[in-house]
C-alpha atoms as a PDB file:
ATOM      1  CA  MET A   1      24.274 -56.933 -27.872  1.00  0.00           C
ATOM      2  CA  ASN A   2      22.723 -57.342 -24.453  1.00  0.00           C
ATOM      3  CA  SER A   3      18.481 -57.344 -24.164  1.00  0.00           C
ATOM      4  CA  PRO A   4      17.188 -54.710 -22.655  1.00  0.00           C
ATOM      5  CA  ASP A   5      16.294 -55.720 -19.130  1.00  0.00           C
ATOM      6  CA  PRO A   6      12.231 -56.012 -19.315  1.00  0.00           C
ATOM      7  CA  ARG A   7      11.742 -54.546 -15.390  1.00  0.00           C
ATOM      8  CA  THR A   8      13.671 -51.085 -17.087  1.00  0.00           C
ATOM      9  CA  THR A   9      11.431 -51.377 -19.589  1.00  0.00           C
ATOM     10  CA  ARG A  10       8.153 -52.196 -18.357  1.00  0.00           C
ATOM     11  CA  ARG A  11       9.113 -49.040 -16.252  1.00  0.00           C
ATOM     12  CA  SER A  12      10.263 -46.270 -17.866  1.00  0.00           C
ATOM     13  CA  PHE A  13       7.104 -46.822 -19.943  1.00  0.00           C
ATOM     14  CA  ILE A  14       4.884 -46.952 -16.993  1.00  0.00           C
ATOM     15  CA  GLN A  15       6.588 -43.183 -16.369  1.00  0.00           C
ATOM     16  CA  GLY A  16       5.719 -42.365 -19.558  1.00  0.00           C
ATOM     17  CA  VAL A  17       1.876 -43.262 -19.785  1.00  0.00           C
ATOM     18  CA  ALA A  18       2.048 -41.069 -15.978  1.00  0.00           C
ATOM     19  CA  ALA A  19       4.033 -38.303 -17.280  1.00  0.00           C
ATOM     20  CA  LEU A  20       1.246 -38.288 -20.368  1.00  0.00           C
ATOM     21  CA  GLY A  21      -1.815 -38.116 -17.975  1.00  0.00           C
ATOM     22  CA  ILE A  22       0.110 -35.786 -16.315  1.00  0.00           C
ATOM     23  CA  ALA A  23       0.665 -33.257 -19.185  1.00  0.00           C
ATOM     24  CA  GLY A  24      -2.607 -33.942 -20.480  1.00  0.00           C
ATOM     25  CA  ASP A  25      -4.514 -33.203 -16.934  1.00  0.00           C
ATOM     26  CA  ALA A  26      -2.256 -29.709 -16.488  1.00  0.00           C
ATOM     27  CA  LEU A  27      -2.800 -28.601 -19.931  1.00  0.00           C
ATOM     28  CA  LEU A  28      -6.340 -29.113 -19.768  1.00  0.00           C
ATOM     29  CA  ARG A  29      -6.289 -27.211 -16.758  1.00  0.00           C
ATOM     30  CA  THR A  30      -4.237 -24.701 -17.680  1.00  0.00           C
ATOM     31  CA  GLY A  31      -3.588 -24.556 -21.859  1.00  0.00           C
ATOM     32  CA  ASP A  32      -0.649 -24.035 -20.903  1.00  0.00           C
ATOM     33  CA  ALA A  33       1.303 -26.024 -23.235  1.00  0.00           C
ATOM     34  CA  LYS A  34       4.698 -25.387 -21.835  1.00  0.00           C
ATOM     35  CA  GLY A  35       4.119 -26.131 -18.764  1.00  0.00           C
ATOM     36  CA  ALA A  36       2.221 -29.096 -19.082  1.00  0.00           C
ATOM     37  CA  LEU A  37       5.525 -30.431 -21.306  1.00  0.00           C
ATOM     38  CA  TYR A  38       7.802 -29.774 -18.056  1.00  0.00           C
ATOM     39  CA  ALA A  39       5.236 -31.438 -15.717  1.00  0.00           C
ATOM     40  CA  ALA A  40       5.515 -34.635 -18.025  1.00  0.00           C
ATOM     41  CA  ARG A  41       9.764 -34.471 -18.204  1.00  0.00           C
ATOM     42  CA  GLN A  42       9.622 -33.730 -14.090  1.00  0.00           C
ATOM     43  CA  GLU A  43       7.554 -37.185 -13.720  1.00  0.00           C
ATOM     44  CA  MET A  44       9.988 -39.161 -16.244  1.00  0.00           C
ATOM     45  CA  GLY A  45      12.344 -37.685 -14.076  1.00  0.00           C
ATOM     46  CA  LYS A  46      13.848 -34.659 -16.446  1.00  0.00           C
ATOM     47  CA  PRO A  47      14.451 -32.134 -14.867  1.00  0.00           C
ATOM     48  CA  THR A  48      14.803 -28.468 -16.201  1.00  0.00           C
ATOM     49  CA  SER A  49      17.899 -26.840 -15.949  1.00  0.00           C
ATOM     50  CA  TRP A  50      16.995 -23.457 -15.209  1.00  0.00           C
ATOM     51  CA  PRO A  51      19.627 -19.944 -15.589  1.00  0.00           C
ATOM     52  CA  ASP A  52      20.568 -18.218 -12.555  1.00  0.00           C
ATOM     53  CA  ALA A  53      18.231 -15.970 -11.651  1.00  0.00           C
ATOM     54  CA  GLY A  54      20.510 -14.753  -9.134  1.00  0.00           C
ATOM     55  CA  ARG A  55      19.473 -13.872  -5.068  1.00  0.00           C
ATOM     56  CA  ARG A  56      20.701 -10.997  -2.943  1.00  0.00           C
ATOM     57  CA  ILE A  57      20.174  -9.900   0.489  1.00  0.00           C
ATOM     58  CA  LEU A  58      17.023  -8.293   1.449  1.00  0.00           C
ATOM     59  CA  GLY A  59      17.762  -5.382   3.364  1.00  0.00           C
ATOM     60  CA  ARG A  60      17.176  -5.481   6.986  1.00  0.00           C
ATOM     61  CA  THR A  61      15.156  -8.578   6.413  1.00  0.00           C
ATOM     62  CA  GLY A  62      18.804 -10.983   6.342  1.00  0.00           C
ATOM     63  CA  PHE A  63      16.993 -13.144   4.018  1.00  0.00           C
ATOM     64  CA  ASN A  64      18.658 -14.047   0.816  1.00  0.00           C
ATOM     65  CA  GLY A  65      16.028 -13.856  -1.675  1.00  0.00           C
ATOM     66  CA  SER A  66      16.001 -14.341  -5.770  1.00  0.00           C
ATOM     67  CA  ARG A  67      15.829 -11.084  -7.683  1.00  0.00           C
ATOM     68  CA  LEU A  68      12.683 -12.446  -9.709  1.00  0.00           C
ATOM     69  CA  VAL A  69       9.969 -11.957  -7.505  1.00  0.00           C
ATOM     70  CA  PHE A  70       6.608 -14.007  -7.751  1.00  0.00           C
ATOM     71  CA  GLY A  71       4.187 -11.812  -8.278  1.00  0.00           C
ATOM     72  CA  CYS A  72       0.603 -14.249  -7.289  1.00  0.00           C
ATOM     73  CA  GLY A  73      -2.179 -12.011  -8.083  1.00  0.00           C
ATOM     74  CA  ALA A  74      -3.269 -12.374 -11.966  1.00  0.00           C
ATOM     75  CA  ALA A  75      -1.385 -15.905 -12.064  1.00  0.00           C
ATOM     76  CA  LEU A  76      -3.728 -17.170  -9.036  1.00  0.00           C
ATOM     77  CA  SER A  77      -6.700 -14.838  -8.677  1.00  0.00           C
ATOM     78  CA  ARG A  78      -9.261 -16.969 -11.136  1.00  0.00           C
ATOM     79  CA  GLY A  79      -7.564 -20.287 -10.194  1.00  0.00           C
ATOM     80  CA  ARG A  80      -4.689 -22.907  -8.666  1.00  0.00           C
ATOM     81  CA  ARG A  81      -1.874 -23.395 -11.296  1.00  0.00           C
ATOM     82  CA  ASP A  82       0.404 -25.246  -8.820  1.00  0.00           C
ATOM     83  CA  ASP A  83       2.446 -26.443 -11.758  1.00  0.00           C
ATOM     84  CA  LEU A  84       3.480 -22.940 -12.323  1.00  0.00           C
ATOM     85  CA  LEU A  85       4.537 -22.389  -8.617  1.00  0.00           C
ATOM     86  CA  GLU A  86       6.823 -25.588  -8.449  1.00  0.00           C
ATOM     87  CA  ALA A  87       8.475 -24.240 -11.290  1.00  0.00           C
ATOM     88  CA  ALA A  88       9.347 -20.898 -10.270  1.00  0.00           C
ATOM     89  CA  PHE A  89      10.433 -22.631  -7.205  1.00  0.00           C
ATOM     90  CA  ASP A  90      12.420 -25.212  -8.892  1.00  0.00           C
ATOM     91  CA  ALA A  91      14.152 -22.042 -10.540  1.00  0.00           C
ATOM     92  CA  GLY A  92      15.393 -21.107  -7.598  1.00  0.00           C
ATOM     93  CA  LEU A  93      12.384 -18.002  -7.639  1.00  0.00           C
ATOM     94  CA  ASN A  94      11.933 -18.075  -3.402  1.00  0.00           C
ATOM     95  CA  VAL A  95       9.719 -14.618  -3.139  1.00  0.00           C
ATOM     96  CA  PHE A  96       5.969 -14.863  -3.236  1.00  0.00           C
ATOM     97  CA  ASP A  97       4.292 -11.540  -3.836  1.00  0.00           C
ATOM     98  CA  ASN A  98       0.409 -12.023  -2.383  1.00  0.00           C
ATOM     99  CA  GLY A  99      -2.637  -9.703  -1.339  1.00  0.00           C
ATOM    100  CA  THR A 100      -5.974  -9.471   0.223  1.00  0.00           C
ATOM    101  CA  ARG A 101      -8.930 -10.995  -1.230  1.00  0.00           C
ATOM    102  CA  ARG A 102     -10.382  -7.553  -1.699  1.00  0.00           C
ATOM    103  CA  TYR A 103      -7.517  -7.009  -4.687  1.00  0.00           C
ATOM    104  CA  TYR A 104      -6.762 -10.287  -6.015  1.00  0.00           C
ATOM    105  CA  SER A 105      -9.801 -12.793  -5.177  1.00  0.00           C
ATOM    106  CA  ASP A 106      -8.990 -16.077  -4.867  1.00  0.00           C
ATOM    107  CA  ALA A 107      -5.220 -15.705  -5.067  1.00  0.00           C
ATOM    108  CA  GLU A 108      -4.300 -15.908  -1.568  1.00  0.00           C
ATOM    109  CA  ILE A 109      -6.561 -19.684  -1.192  1.00  0.00           C
ATOM    110  CA  ASN A 110      -4.623 -20.601  -4.529  1.00  0.00           C
ATOM    111  CA  LEU A 111      -1.369 -20.383  -3.140  1.00  0.00           C
ATOM    112  CA  ALA A 112      -2.584 -22.602   0.076  1.00  0.00           C
ATOM    113  CA  PRO A 113      -1.501 -25.848  -1.429  1.00  0.00           C
ATOM    114  CA  PHE A 114       1.730 -25.014  -2.695  1.00  0.00           C
ATOM    115  CA  LEU A 115       2.740 -23.492   0.889  1.00  0.00           C
ATOM    116  CA  ALA A 116       1.300 -26.870   2.551  1.00  0.00           C
ATOM    117  CA  ARG A 117       3.412 -28.913   0.572  1.00  0.00           C
ATOM    118  CA  HIS A 118       6.590 -27.048   1.513  1.00  0.00           C
ATOM    119  CA  SER A 119       6.494 -25.993   4.858  1.00  0.00           C
ATOM    120  CA  LYS A 120       8.993 -28.169   6.216  1.00  0.00           C
ATOM    121  CA  GLU A 121      10.819 -25.908   4.202  1.00  0.00           C
ATOM    122  CA  ARG A 122       9.334 -22.886   5.046  1.00  0.00           C
ATOM    123  CA  ASP A 123      12.143 -20.575   5.967  1.00  0.00           C
ATOM    124  CA  LYS A 124      13.171 -21.031   2.747  1.00  0.00           C
ATOM    125  CA  ILE A 125      10.269 -18.929   1.116  1.00  0.00           C
ATOM    126  CA  PHE A 126       9.515 -15.738   1.895  1.00  0.00           C
ATOM    127  CA  LEU A 127       5.869 -14.471   2.001  1.00  0.00           C
ATOM    128  CA  ILE A 128       4.549 -11.529   1.404  1.00  0.00           C
ATOM    129  CA  SER A 129       1.252 -10.248   1.479  1.00  0.00           C
ATOM    130  CA  LYS A 130      -0.320  -6.596   1.859  1.00  0.00           C
ATOM    131  CA  ALA A 131      -3.670  -4.760   2.191  1.00  0.00           C
ATOM    132  CA  MET A 132      -4.842  -0.985   1.848  1.00  0.00           C
ATOM    133  CA  THR A 133      -6.204   0.940   4.526  1.00  0.00           C
ATOM    134  CA  TYR A 134      -9.164   1.759   2.303  1.00  0.00           C
ATOM    135  CA  LEU A 135      -8.862   5.224   3.364  1.00  0.00           C
ATOM    136  CA  ASP A 136     -10.521   7.847   1.038  1.00  0.00           C
ATOM    137  CA  ILE A 137      -7.333  10.062   0.935  1.00  0.00           C
ATOM    138  CA  GLY A 138      -5.132  11.952  -1.670  1.00  0.00           C
ATOM    139  CA  PRO A 139      -1.546  11.807  -1.746  1.00  0.00           C
ATOM    140  CA  GLU A 140      -0.424  15.079   0.198  1.00  0.00           C
ATOM    141  CA  ASP A 141      -4.032  14.534   2.674  1.00  0.00           C
ATOM    142  CA  GLU A 142      -2.816  15.176   6.484  1.00  0.00           C
ATOM    143  CA  ILE A 143      -4.804  11.998   8.064  1.00  0.00           C
ATOM    144  CA  THR A 144      -6.638  13.039  11.588  1.00  0.00           C
ATOM    145  CA  THR A 145      -6.041   9.979  14.227  1.00  0.00           C
ATOM    146  CA  ALA A 146      -9.685   9.088  13.688  1.00  0.00           C
ATOM    147  CA  GLN A 147      -8.887   8.335  10.140  1.00  0.00           C
ATOM    148  CA  ALA A 148      -5.213   6.229  11.388  1.00  0.00           C
ATOM    149  CA  LYS A 149      -7.454   3.937  13.882  1.00  0.00           C
ATOM    150  CA  GLU A 150      -9.711   3.146  11.216  1.00  0.00           C
ATOM    151  CA  GLY A 151      -7.125   2.200   8.392  1.00  0.00           C
ATOM    152  CA  ALA A 152      -5.081   0.388  10.967  1.00  0.00           C
ATOM    153  CA  ALA A 153      -8.353  -1.837  11.909  1.00  0.00           C
ATOM    154  CA  THR A 154      -9.188  -1.729   8.109  1.00  0.00           C
ATOM    155  CA  TRP A 155      -5.095  -3.179   7.874  1.00  0.00           C
ATOM    156  CA  SER A 156      -4.951  -5.844  10.637  1.00  0.00           C
ATOM    157  CA  GLY A 157      -8.444  -7.320   9.833  1.00  0.00           C
ATOM    158  CA  LEU A 158      -7.407  -8.109   6.638  1.00  0.00           C
ATOM    159  CA  LEU A 159      -4.023  -9.318   7.644  1.00  0.00           C
ATOM    160  CA  ASP A 160      -5.875 -12.442   9.463  1.00  0.00           C
ATOM    161  CA  GLU A 161      -8.014 -12.995   6.392  1.00  0.00           C
ATOM    162  CA  SER A 162      -4.907 -13.497   4.475  1.00  0.00           C
ATOM    163  CA  LEU A 163      -3.431 -15.988   6.775  1.00  0.00           C
ATOM    164  CA  ARG A 164      -6.868 -17.965   6.996  1.00  0.00           C
ATOM    165  CA  GLU A 165      -6.826 -17.990   3.421  1.00  0.00           C
ATOM    166  CA  LEU A 166      -2.980 -18.945   3.400  1.00  0.00           C
ATOM    167  CA  GLY A 167      -3.493 -21.757   5.841  1.00  0.00           C
ATOM    168  CA  VAL A 168      -0.377 -20.403   8.030  1.00  0.00           C
ATOM    169  CA  ASP A 169       0.538 -18.633  11.148  1.00  0.00           C
ATOM    170  CA  HIS A 170       2.529 -15.884   9.678  1.00  0.00           C
ATOM    171  CA  VAL A 171       4.041 -14.221   6.757  1.00  0.00           C
ATOM    172  CA  ASP A 172       7.122 -12.785   5.826  1.00  0.00           C
ATOM    173  CA  ALA A 173       6.656  -9.737   5.558  1.00  0.00           C
ATOM    174  CA  TYR A 174       2.984  -7.029   5.467  1.00  0.00           C
ATOM    175  CA  TYR A 175       2.541  -4.026   3.456  1.00  0.00           C
ATOM    176  CA  VAL A 176       0.717  -0.937   3.367  1.00  0.00           C
ATOM    177  CA  MET A 177      -0.385  -1.929   0.225  1.00  0.00           C
ATOM    178  CA  ALA A 178      -1.233   1.804  -1.687  1.00  0.00           C
ATOM    179  CA  SER A 179       1.121   3.120   0.426  1.00  0.00           C
ATOM    180  CA  ASN A 180       1.042   7.024  -1.666  1.00  0.00           C
ATOM    181  CA  ASN A 181       0.491   9.156   1.209  1.00  0.00           C
ATOM    182  CA  PRO A 182       3.422  10.482   3.098  1.00  0.00           C
ATOM    183  CA  HIS A 183       0.974  10.962   6.698  1.00  0.00           C
ATOM    184  CA  VAL A 184       0.163   7.299   6.686  1.00  0.00           C
ATOM    185  CA  VAL A 185       3.732   6.530   5.969  1.00  0.00           C
ATOM    186  CA  ARG A 186       4.485   8.414   9.418  1.00  0.00           C
ATOM    187  CA  ASN A 187       1.894   7.655  10.531  1.00  0.00           C
ATOM    188  CA  PRO A 188       2.317   6.081  14.520  1.00  0.00           C
ATOM    189  CA  GLU A 189      -1.115   4.065  14.666  1.00  0.00           C
ATOM    190  CA  MET A 190       0.343   2.120  11.584  1.00  0.00           C
ATOM    191  CA  ARG A 191       2.651   1.701  13.729  1.00  0.00           C
ATOM    192  CA  ARG A 192       1.508   0.241  16.402  1.00  0.00           C
ATOM    193  CA  ALA A 193      -0.987  -1.935  14.535  1.00  0.00           C
ATOM    194  CA  PHE A 194       2.038  -3.905  13.259  1.00  0.00           C
ATOM    195  CA  GLU A 195       4.046  -3.799  16.200  1.00  0.00           C
ATOM    196  CA  HIS A 196       0.986  -5.569  17.728  1.00  0.00           C
ATOM    197  CA  ALA A 197       1.103  -8.226  14.527  1.00  0.00           C
ATOM    198  CA  ARG A 198       4.590  -8.970  15.200  1.00  0.00           C
ATOM    199  CA  ASP A 199       4.334  -8.914  18.972  1.00  0.00           C
ATOM    200  CA  ALA A 200       1.564 -11.665  18.270  1.00  0.00           C
ATOM    201  CA  GLY A 201       3.684 -13.462  15.260  1.00  0.00           C
ATOM    202  CA  LYS A 202       1.390 -12.936  12.396  1.00  0.00           C
ATOM    203  CA  VAL A 203       4.527 -11.011  10.943  1.00  0.00           C
ATOM    204  CA  LYS A 204       8.347 -10.420  10.821  1.00  0.00           C
ATOM    205  CA  HIS A 205       8.960  -7.507   8.273  1.00  0.00           C
ATOM    206  CA  TRP A 206       6.754  -4.130   8.130  1.00  0.00           C
ATOM    207  CA  GLY A 207       6.550  -3.087   4.415  1.00  0.00           C
ATOM    208  CA  LEU A 208       5.185  -0.713   1.989  1.00  0.00           C
ATOM    209  CA  SER A 209       4.529  -0.963  -2.027  1.00  0.00           C
ATOM    210  CA  THR A 210       3.311   2.041  -3.920  1.00  0.00           C
ATOM    211  CA  HIS A 211       2.308   2.890  -7.856  1.00  0.00           C
ATOM    212  CA  GLN A 212       2.627   7.139  -7.484  1.00  0.00           C
ATOM    213  CA  ASN A 213       4.505   9.421  -5.181  1.00  0.00           C
ATOM    214  CA  ALA A 214       7.268   7.269  -4.379  1.00  0.00           C
ATOM    215  CA  GLN A 215      10.021   9.422  -3.775  1.00  0.00           C
ATOM    216  CA  ARG A 216       7.918  10.892  -1.378  1.00  0.00           C
ATOM    217  CA  VAL A 217       7.086   7.752   0.017  1.00  0.00           C
ATOM    218  CA  LEU A 218      10.369   6.630   0.116  1.00  0.00           C
ATOM    219  CA  GLU A 219      12.290   9.590   1.547  1.00  0.00           C
ATOM    220  CA  ALA A 220       9.301   9.755   4.870  1.00  0.00           C
ATOM    221  CA  ALA A 221      10.240   6.187   4.983  1.00  0.00           C
ATOM    222  CA  MET A 222      13.326   6.310   5.286  1.00  0.00           C
ATOM    223  CA  GLU A 223      12.788   9.373   8.299  1.00  0.00           C
ATOM    224  CA  THR A 224      10.332   6.778  10.070  1.00  0.00           C
ATOM    225  CA  GLY A 225      13.523   4.346   9.797  1.00  0.00           C
ATOM    226  CA  TRP A 226      10.945   1.252  10.232  1.00  0.00           C
ATOM    227  CA  TYR A 227      10.179  -0.701   6.876  1.00  0.00           C
ATOM    228  CA  ASP A 228      12.245  -2.925   6.132  1.00  0.00           C
ATOM    229  CA  LEU A 229      10.927  -3.601   2.262  1.00  0.00           C
ATOM    230  CA  ALA A 230       9.211  -1.018  -0.221  1.00  0.00           C
ATOM    231  CA  GLN A 231       7.992  -2.267  -3.838  1.00  0.00           C
ATOM    232  CA  ILE A 232       7.759   1.049  -5.992  1.00  0.00           C
ATOM    233  CA  ALA A 233       6.292   1.341  -9.821  1.00  0.00           C
ATOM    234  CA  ILE A 234       9.409   2.382 -11.762  1.00  0.00           C
ATOM    235  CA  THR A 235      10.681   1.630 -15.264  1.00  0.00           C
ATOM    236  CA  PRO A 236      14.069   2.200 -17.428  1.00  0.00           C
ATOM    237  CA  ALA A 237      12.477   5.795 -18.665  1.00  0.00           C
ATOM    238  CA  GLY A 238      11.764   6.714 -14.878  1.00  0.00           C
ATOM    239  CA  TRP A 239       8.781   6.612 -12.030  1.00  0.00           C
ATOM    240  CA  TYR A 240       5.876   4.671 -13.558  1.00  0.00           C
ATOM    241  CA  ASP A 241       2.582   6.401 -12.656  1.00  0.00           C
ATOM    242  CA  PHE A 242      -0.402   3.817 -12.121  1.00  0.00           C
ATOM    243  CA  THR A 243      -3.432   6.208 -12.560  1.00  0.00           C
ATOM    244  CA  ASP A 244      -2.603   7.453 -15.842  1.00  0.00           C
ATOM    245  CA  ARG A 245      -0.854   4.229 -16.996  1.00  0.00           C
ATOM    246  CA  ASN A 246       2.057   6.573 -17.874  1.00  0.00           C
ATOM    247  CA  ILE A 247       5.046   7.277 -17.368  1.00  0.00           C
ATOM    248  CA  LEU A 248       5.895   9.863 -14.265  1.00  0.00           C
ATOM    249  CA  PRO A 249       5.752  13.772 -16.153  1.00  0.00           C
ATOM    250  CA  GLY A 250       9.236  15.257 -15.555  1.00  0.00           C
ATOM    251  CA  THR A 251      10.757  12.527 -14.355  1.00  0.00           C
ATOM    252  CA  ASP A 252      13.975  11.622 -14.039  1.00  0.00           C
ATOM    253  CA  ALA A 253      15.173   8.418 -16.069  1.00  0.00           C
ATOM    254  CA  MET A 254      16.235   5.451 -13.827  1.00  0.00           C
ATOM    255  CA  LYS A 255      19.771   6.195 -14.288  1.00  0.00           C
ATOM    256  CA  GLY A 256      19.503   9.563 -12.548  1.00  0.00           C
ATOM    257  CA  ILE A 257      16.759   8.301 -10.103  1.00  0.00           C
ATOM    258  CA  GLU A 258      19.888   5.504  -8.655  1.00  0.00           C
ATOM    259  CA  PRO A 259      21.627   7.396  -6.482  1.00  0.00           C
ATOM    260  CA  PHE A 260      17.953   8.086  -4.713  1.00  0.00           C
ATOM    261  CA  LEU A 261      17.841   4.158  -5.111  1.00  0.00           C
ATOM    262  CA  ASN A 262      21.030   3.595  -3.865  1.00  0.00           C
ATOM    263  CA  LYS A 263      20.573   6.235  -0.711  1.00  0.00           C
ATOM    264  CA  VAL A 264      17.199   3.938   0.092  1.00  0.00           C
ATOM    265  CA  ARG A 265      19.417   0.780  -0.160  1.00  0.00           C
ATOM    266  CA  ALA A 266      21.447   1.709   2.191  1.00  0.00           C
ATOM    267  CA  SER A 267      19.138   2.949   5.175  1.00  0.00           C
ATOM    268  CA  GLY A 268      18.457  -0.912   5.240  1.00  0.00           C
ATOM    269  CA  ILE A 269      15.200  -0.821   2.963  1.00  0.00           C
ATOM    270  CA  ALA A 270      15.067  -3.999   0.074  1.00  0.00           C
ATOM    271  CA  LEU A 271      13.569  -2.368  -3.225  1.00  0.00           C
ATOM    272  CA  VAL A 272      11.887  -4.678  -5.222  1.00  0.00           C
ATOM    273  CA  GLY A 273      10.402  -3.018  -8.277  1.00  0.00           C
ATOM    274  CA  MET A 274       7.033  -3.582  -9.969  1.00  0.00           C
ATOM    275  CA  LYS A 275       5.264  -2.093 -13.528  1.00  0.00           C
ATOM    276  CA  ALA A 276       9.203  -2.095 -15.090  1.00  0.00           C
ATOM    277  CA  GLY A 277       7.141  -3.774 -18.509  1.00  0.00           C
ATOM    278  CA  ARG A 278       3.787  -2.860 -17.749  1.00  0.00           C
ATOM    279  CA  TYR A 279       4.158   0.637 -19.940  1.00  0.00           C
ATOM    280  CA  LEU A 280       5.361  -1.688 -22.794  1.00  0.00           C
ATOM    281  CA  ALA A 281       2.403  -3.605 -23.092  1.00  0.00           C
ATOM    282  CA  GLY A 282       0.333   0.005 -23.733  1.00  0.00           C
ATOM    283  CA  ARG A 283      -3.458   0.188 -23.282  1.00  0.00           C
ATOM    284  CA  LYS A 284      -6.452  -1.127 -25.319  1.00  0.00           C
ATOM    285  CA  PHE A 285      -8.069   1.698 -26.600  1.00  0.00           C
ATOM    286  CA  LEU A 286      -4.633   3.637 -27.180  1.00  0.00           C
ATOM    287  CA  GLY A 287      -3.093   1.061 -29.214  1.00  0.00           C
ATOM    288  CA  TRP A 288      -1.764  -2.389 -28.118  1.00  0.00           C
ATOM    289  CA  GLY A 289       1.808  -2.373 -27.442  1.00  0.00           C
ATOM    290  CA  LYS A 290       4.571   0.322 -27.033  1.00  0.00           C
ATOM    291  CA  PRO A 291       7.399  -1.968 -27.335  1.00  0.00           C
ATOM    292  CA  ASP A 292      10.229   0.391 -27.723  1.00  0.00           C
ATOM    293  CA  ALA A 293       9.492   2.915 -24.844  1.00  0.00           C
ATOM    294  CA  PHE A 294      12.382   2.817 -23.294  1.00  0.00           C
ATOM    295  CA  ASP A 295      15.085   2.147 -26.104  1.00  0.00           C
ATOM    296  CA  GLU A 296      16.441   5.400 -25.992  1.00  0.00           C
ATOM    297  CA  HIS A 297      17.306   4.544 -22.486  1.00  0.00           C
ATOM    298  CA  TYR A 298      20.240   1.584 -23.444  1.00  0.00           C
ATOM    299  CA  GLU A 299      23.177   1.258 -25.182  1.00  0.00           C
ATOM    300  CA  PRO A 300      24.000   0.335 -28.234  1.00  0.00           C
ATOM    301  CA  SER A 301      25.423  -3.545 -27.046  1.00  0.00           C
ATOM    302  CA  PHE A 302      22.531  -4.444 -24.923  1.00  0.00           C
ATOM    303  CA  MET A 303      20.047  -3.434 -27.367  1.00  0.00           C
ATOM    304  CA  ALA A 304      22.272  -5.832 -29.686  1.00  0.00           C
ATOM    305  CA  SER A 305      21.862  -8.391 -26.217  1.00  0.00           C
ATOM    306  CA  GLY A 306      18.613 -10.451 -28.805  1.00  0.00           C
ATOM    307  CA  LEU A 307      16.658 -10.101 -25.399  1.00  0.00           C
ATOM    308  CA  SER A 308      12.974  -8.828 -25.772  1.00  0.00           C
ATOM    309  CA  ALA A 309      11.444  -5.657 -24.955  1.00  0.00           C
ATOM    310  CA  PHE A 310      10.174  -6.842 -21.534  1.00  0.00           C
ATOM    311  CA  GLN A 311      13.217  -8.661 -20.844  1.00  0.00           C
ATOM    312  CA  ARG A 312      15.675  -5.463 -21.709  1.00  0.00           C
ATOM    313  CA  SER A 313      13.363  -3.687 -18.918  1.00  0.00           C
ATOM    314  CA  TYR A 314      13.644  -6.463 -16.403  1.00  0.00           C
ATOM    315  CA  ALA A 315      17.470  -6.697 -16.791  1.00  0.00           C
ATOM    316  CA  TYR A 316      17.935  -2.747 -16.779  1.00  0.00           C
ATOM    317  CA  VAL A 317      15.717  -2.410 -13.872  1.00  0.00           C
ATOM    318  CA  LEU A 318      17.732  -4.911 -11.456  1.00  0.00           C
ATOM    319  CA  ALA A 319      21.194  -3.165 -12.182  1.00  0.00           C
ATOM    320  CA  HIS A 320      20.013   0.185 -11.741  1.00  0.00           C
ATOM    321  CA  GLY A 321      18.862   0.783  -7.507  1.00  0.00           C
ATOM    322  CA  LEU A 322      16.695  -3.030  -6.790  1.00  0.00           C
ATOM    323  CA  ASP A 323      16.848  -5.558  -5.209  1.00  0.00           C
ATOM    324  CA  ALA A 324      14.251  -7.712  -6.381  1.00  0.00           C
ATOM    325  CA  VAL A 325      11.939  -7.060  -9.236  1.00  0.00           C
ATOM    326  CA  ASN A 326       8.155  -8.982  -9.020  1.00  0.00           C
ATOM    327  CA  ALA A 327       7.285 -10.302 -12.676  1.00  0.00           C
ATOM    328  CA  ASP A 328       3.412 -11.168 -13.316  1.00  0.00           C
ATOM    329  CA  MET A 329       3.590 -14.577 -14.503  1.00  0.00           C
ATOM    330  CA  GLN A 330       0.469 -16.120 -15.837  1.00  0.00           C
ATOM    331  CA  SER A 331       2.047 -18.426 -18.497  1.00  0.00           C
ATOM    332  CA  PHE A 332       5.212 -21.433 -18.183  1.00  0.00           C
ATOM    333  CA  ALA A 333       6.432 -18.781 -21.373  1.00  0.00           C
ATOM    334  CA  HIS A 334       6.248 -15.845 -19.310  1.00  0.00           C
ATOM    335  CA  LEU A 335       8.260 -17.894 -16.227  1.00  0.00           C
ATOM    336  CA  GLU A 336      11.004 -19.130 -18.538  1.00  0.00           C
ATOM    337  CA  GLU A 337      11.405 -15.053 -20.404  1.00  0.00           C
ATOM    338  CA  ASN A 338      11.366 -13.080 -17.012  1.00  0.00           C
ATOM    339  CA  VAL A 339      14.105 -15.830 -14.949  1.00  0.00           C
ATOM    340  CA  ALA A 340      16.005 -15.667 -18.595  1.00  0.00           C
ATOM    341  CA  ALA A 341      15.848 -11.682 -18.512  1.00  0.00           C
ATOM    342  CA  ALA A 342      17.122 -11.558 -14.504  1.00  0.00           C
ATOM    343  CA  ALA A 343      19.744 -14.273 -15.434  1.00  0.00           C
ATOM    344  CA  ALA A 344      21.058 -12.116 -18.197  1.00  0.00           C
ATOM    345  CA  SER A 345      21.284  -8.303 -15.686  1.00  0.00           C
ATOM    346  CA  PRO A 346      24.753  -9.038 -14.657  1.00  0.00           C
ATOM    347  CA  THR A 347      25.674 -10.064 -18.231  1.00  0.00           C
ATOM    348  CA  HIS A 348      25.060  -6.703 -19.576  1.00  0.00           C
ATOM    349  CA  PHE A 349      25.695  -4.888 -16.796  1.00  0.00           C
ATOM    350  CA  ALA A 350      28.883  -5.274 -14.348  1.00  0.00           C
END
C-alpha cells in the first residue's frame, strides 16, 4: 500500500486549520452556525451544491435576473454579512435590493465591500436602491408642483448619498419607495428627476415599490410607460396592506389578481413581490405566527409537497404573476429555505 504523500497531508492539515479559523471567526461575528460551516467548506474547496432557483428577464431592463431577490435591508442594517452575501451569489442570486440609510440604516455601507470584491463582475449583478419622497401626503391626495419639486429634490439627493455609501458610480435601478400615490407616479417632476440622474450615468432604470394601493399604482405606472420595475406587497391570499399588517379587506386571492399582474408584465414592467410570507409570522402582541393562513388557497398536492409554510408562500407567488420575489434573508438557514422554495416553484406549478 502506498503511503500518503506528506505534502498532500500537510496541505490538507493547513487547509483544515484555516477553515476552522474562518468558521470560528464567522460564528463569533454572526452567531450563524450554518453560515460558519459553509465558510469552512468553501475554504477547504468543498463547495456546497445549490438547487436552481431560476432566472427570468426583468421586463424592459433586459437583465436575466434571479427569481429570488436578496433583500439587504434587514440583513445588513446592523452589520456586515459578507459570508451570507457570498453564499447567495454562489447560489445564483444576482439581484440585490437595498435603500437609503434613512430607512435601512447602514445596509448600503455594509453591502459596499461585497460590491467592491465583485467589481469586475459588475455586469452580472443587478443593484437596486430606493428612497421615499418624504412628502406628507395620503394615497389619493393631489400633489402640487411645489410638493413635487420638493419630493423630487429629496429623492435625487438620497440617490447621491446611496451611491457614496455603496461605493459605486451607478445603480441599475432606483425606486420611488413607498410609492402609494398614483398622482406622484404620474408626476412629470419626478420623471425629470429620474431622467437627470439617468443622463448623468447614476441609474439605468426607474422603478417603484409600494406596500399599499398597489393596483391603482400599477395602473398609473402602465399609463405612463415610464417604469421598468415595480415591487409590490402581495401574498397567496391577495394584496398585503402594510398599514395594518394584514391582507387588504375585500381583495381577490392572488389567483384572481394574476390576470392583472400578467397585463402589467406584458406592458414591460417587471414585477417583484415582497411581504409574501410576512403575514405568516404574525405580530407578537396578537399572537406569534399564522402558519396556516394561506393553506385554503393551495391544492392538496401542493400542501403535501413537504415545503414549509414560508416556502409554500414564496413558491406560490412566483408561479402566479411575478417575475421575482424579494426575500428577507438574515441567516444562512433563511437563504437555504428560500432558494429551495424558488427552485421548487416550477416543479409544483407547470
